[in-house]
Protein backbone atom coordinates (compact mmCIF):
# COMPACT_ATOMS: atom_id res chain seq x y z
CA MET A 1 -61.90 -30.86 -2.85
CA THR A 2 -63.44 -27.29 -1.01
CA GLY A 3 -60.40 -27.15 1.11
CA PHE A 4 -57.97 -27.17 -2.36
CA SER A 5 -60.64 -24.67 -3.39
CA SER A 6 -59.82 -22.38 -0.45
CA SER A 7 -56.02 -22.94 -0.08
CA ARG A 8 -56.10 -21.85 -4.03
CA ALA A 9 -58.54 -18.92 -3.62
CA ALA A 10 -56.11 -17.72 -0.81
CA LEU A 11 -52.77 -17.43 -2.59
CA SER A 12 -54.73 -16.09 -5.89
CA CYS A 13 -56.14 -13.35 -3.84
CA PRO A 14 -55.17 -9.96 -5.52
CA SER A 15 -52.73 -7.67 -3.88
CA PRO A 16 -53.58 -4.15 -2.85
CA ARG A 17 -52.30 -2.87 -5.84
CA GLY A 18 -54.70 -5.45 -8.14
CA ARG A 19 -52.05 -7.90 -9.03
CA GLY A 20 -51.75 -11.27 -8.09
CA VAL A 21 -49.24 -12.37 -6.13
CA GLY A 22 -47.02 -13.69 -8.82
CA GLY A 23 -46.73 -9.88 -9.62
CA THR A 24 -46.15 -8.36 -13.02
CA ARG A 25 -43.13 -10.10 -15.52
CA TRP A 26 -41.59 -6.80 -14.77
CA GLY A 27 -41.47 -7.05 -11.51
CA GLN A 28 -40.12 -10.61 -12.16
CA ALA A 29 -37.70 -9.98 -14.78
CA VAL A 30 -36.54 -6.66 -11.90
CA ARG A 31 -36.03 -9.14 -9.95
CA LEU A 32 -34.42 -11.75 -12.03
CA ALA A 33 -31.63 -9.46 -12.72
CA VAL A 34 -30.74 -8.09 -9.59
CA THR A 35 -30.41 -11.40 -7.97
CA ALA A 36 -28.35 -11.99 -11.33
CA VAL A 37 -26.15 -9.20 -10.37
CA PHE A 38 -26.18 -10.16 -6.78
CA LEU A 39 -24.29 -13.46 -8.01
CA ALA A 40 -22.13 -12.18 -10.22
CA LEU A 41 -20.73 -9.84 -7.52
CA ALA A 42 -21.03 -12.48 -5.11
CA PHE A 43 -18.69 -14.58 -6.76
CA ALA A 44 -16.70 -11.93 -8.72
CA THR A 45 -13.28 -11.74 -8.09
CA PRO A 46 -11.05 -9.07 -8.98
CA ALA A 47 -8.76 -9.59 -11.63
CA GLY A 48 -5.59 -8.75 -11.29
CA ALA A 49 -2.67 -6.46 -13.43
CA ILE A 50 -0.04 -8.68 -13.13
CA GLU A 51 0.21 -11.05 -15.70
CA PRO A 52 1.40 -14.65 -15.05
CA GLN A 53 4.56 -14.25 -17.17
CA GLU A 54 5.06 -11.55 -16.14
CA GLN A 55 5.46 -13.23 -12.29
CA LEU A 56 8.73 -13.77 -10.90
CA ALA A 57 10.41 -17.40 -10.07
CA ASP A 58 11.63 -16.71 -6.55
CA PRO A 59 8.59 -16.04 -4.48
CA ALA A 60 11.40 -13.47 -2.58
CA LEU A 61 12.01 -11.61 -5.23
CA GLU A 62 7.99 -11.30 -6.48
CA ALA A 63 7.61 -10.13 -2.88
CA ARG A 64 9.57 -7.53 -3.43
CA ALA A 65 8.46 -6.55 -7.09
CA ARG A 66 5.16 -6.03 -5.88
CA GLU A 67 6.06 -4.17 -2.94
CA LEU A 68 8.04 -1.92 -5.36
CA GLY A 69 5.03 -1.96 -7.53
CA GLN A 70 2.38 -0.08 -4.69
CA GLU A 71 4.98 2.38 -4.54
CA LEU A 72 5.46 3.20 -8.32
CA ARG A 73 2.06 5.45 -9.76
CA CYS A 74 1.35 4.32 -13.09
CA LEU A 75 1.91 7.16 -15.31
CA VAL A 76 -1.08 6.76 -17.56
CA CYS A 77 -3.85 6.50 -14.93
CA GLN A 78 -2.24 8.64 -12.64
CA ASN A 79 -3.62 7.07 -9.71
CA GLN A 80 -3.17 4.18 -9.44
CA SER A 81 0.07 1.78 -9.03
CA ILE A 82 1.52 0.07 -11.44
CA ASP A 83 0.62 -3.34 -10.12
CA ASP A 84 -3.23 -2.15 -10.09
CA SER A 85 -2.76 -0.68 -14.17
CA ASN A 86 -2.81 -2.94 -16.82
CA ALA A 87 -1.87 0.38 -19.25
CA ASP A 88 1.38 -1.03 -21.48
CA LEU A 89 3.36 1.71 -19.43
CA ALA A 90 2.72 0.11 -16.48
CA ARG A 91 2.95 -3.07 -18.08
CA ASP A 92 6.33 -1.95 -18.98
CA LEU A 93 7.39 -0.38 -15.66
CA ARG A 94 6.74 -3.91 -13.69
CA THR A 95 9.06 -5.33 -16.99
CA ILE A 96 11.88 -2.66 -15.32
CA VAL A 97 11.72 -3.24 -11.72
CA ARG A 98 11.55 -6.99 -12.19
CA GLU A 99 14.80 -6.88 -14.53
CA ARG A 100 16.31 -4.81 -12.18
CA LEU A 101 15.59 -7.15 -9.17
CA LYS A 102 16.87 -9.96 -10.85
CA ALA A 103 19.92 -8.28 -11.55
CA GLY A 104 20.45 -7.90 -7.74
CA ASP A 105 19.64 -4.35 -7.57
CA SER A 106 17.88 -3.08 -3.65
CA ASN A 107 14.63 -1.80 -3.57
CA ALA A 108 16.06 1.48 -3.20
CA GLN A 109 18.22 1.63 -6.56
CA VAL A 110 15.23 0.25 -8.42
CA LEU A 111 13.45 3.46 -7.10
CA ASP A 112 16.39 5.56 -8.15
CA PHE A 113 16.61 4.17 -11.79
CA VAL A 114 13.04 4.48 -12.21
CA THR A 115 12.84 8.31 -10.72
CA ALA A 116 15.89 8.92 -13.14
CA ARG A 117 13.85 8.24 -15.71
CA TYR A 118 11.15 9.46 -14.90
CA GLY A 119 10.96 11.91 -12.37
CA ASP A 120 9.87 11.98 -8.74
CA TYR A 121 5.68 11.93 -10.43
CA VAL A 122 6.45 8.46 -10.30
CA LEU A 123 6.57 7.91 -7.22
CA LEU A 124 3.02 7.57 -5.34
CA ARG A 125 4.59 9.17 -2.44
CA PRO A 126 7.12 11.71 -3.70
CA PRO A 127 9.97 12.59 -0.90
CA LEU A 128 9.64 15.77 0.50
CA ARG A 129 12.01 18.39 -1.64
CA ALA A 130 12.75 21.50 -2.76
CA GLY A 131 11.80 20.30 -6.68
CA THR A 132 8.80 18.45 -5.13
CA LEU A 133 6.90 20.85 -2.42
CA ALA A 134 4.32 22.29 -5.60
CA LEU A 135 2.95 18.28 -5.32
CA TRP A 136 2.94 18.56 -1.50
CA PHE A 137 1.82 21.55 -0.64
CA GLY A 138 0.47 23.08 -4.10
CA PRO A 139 -3.17 21.66 -3.62
CA VAL A 140 -2.84 23.05 -0.15
CA VAL A 141 -2.04 26.31 -1.23
CA LEU A 142 -4.82 26.19 -3.95
CA LEU A 143 -7.22 26.08 -1.56
CA PHE A 144 -6.34 28.74 1.01
CA ALA A 145 -6.11 31.08 -2.37
CA ALA A 146 -9.76 29.78 -3.27
CA ILE A 147 -10.79 30.64 0.50
CA ALA A 148 -8.91 33.89 0.67
CA LEU A 149 -10.05 35.20 -2.75
CA LEU A 150 -14.19 34.15 -1.86
CA ILE A 151 -13.55 36.05 1.58
CA LEU A 152 -11.96 39.57 -0.41
CA ARG A 153 -14.97 39.42 -2.76
CA ARG A 154 -17.81 39.22 -0.06
CA ARG A 155 -16.17 42.43 1.45
CA ARG A 156 -15.82 44.67 -1.86
CA ARG A 157 -19.93 44.43 -2.51
CA PRO A 158 -20.25 47.62 -3.45
CA ALA A 159 -22.47 49.12 0.05
CA GLU A 160 -26.26 49.48 -0.75
CA ALA A 161 -27.36 53.04 -2.10
CA GLN A 162 -28.22 55.44 0.50
CA PRO A 163 -31.71 56.94 0.38
CA LEU A 164 -31.04 61.03 -0.57
CA SER A 165 -31.12 63.53 2.11
CA ALA A 166 -33.79 66.46 1.31
CA GLU A 167 -30.86 69.04 0.44
CA GLU A 168 -29.08 66.33 -2.47
CA SER A 169 -33.13 65.85 -3.33
CA GLN A 170 -33.47 69.12 -4.23
CA ARG A 171 -30.53 69.46 -5.91
CA LEU A 172 -31.08 66.61 -8.42
CA ALA A 173 -34.62 68.30 -9.35
CA ARG A 174 -33.22 71.20 -9.77
CA LEU A 175 -30.75 69.66 -12.22
CA ILE A 176 -33.89 67.62 -14.19
CA ASP A 177 -35.43 71.15 -14.66
CA GLU A 178 -32.35 72.45 -15.92
CA GLU A 179 -31.75 69.92 -18.67
CA PRO A 180 -31.29 71.49 -21.82
CA ALA A 181 -33.75 71.12 -24.34
CA PRO A 182 -33.22 69.35 -27.86
């Protein structure tokens, strides 16, 4: 029995914080929550935005539809492709793409059809043309303009005031003394 009690005493030895080996209920709850989150993330699979009823029966056409879906922007989410978005408009665009492919359109014809309706902004990588120059170079131009404005503002700061010369100090004193009485 002495061996049992000594091992038990070793297990219940207080930690430096004054708590037992098991910790507090709060610590156990935190460990349990962290473990649950870790397991949930480990077994989570990303849900695709494309629903099974949207998929085409022909795997080659479906692959082309997916390829086109990665090139088209969701106009609601703006920085997501229509393949990745769950928005109703993205679902409608995916349907249009699949209908056009089933009708026999080429990838270029599908893109032309969609851009004719929604403009070049619907493309995640719009072509470089006169009409899309603002999309391509606008952010860079704005960045350079902001930097130039900051530089100009720093240069235009008023210079520090120079101390008055002896002559200017005397003149100021005379002007103050000559002040009309009320």
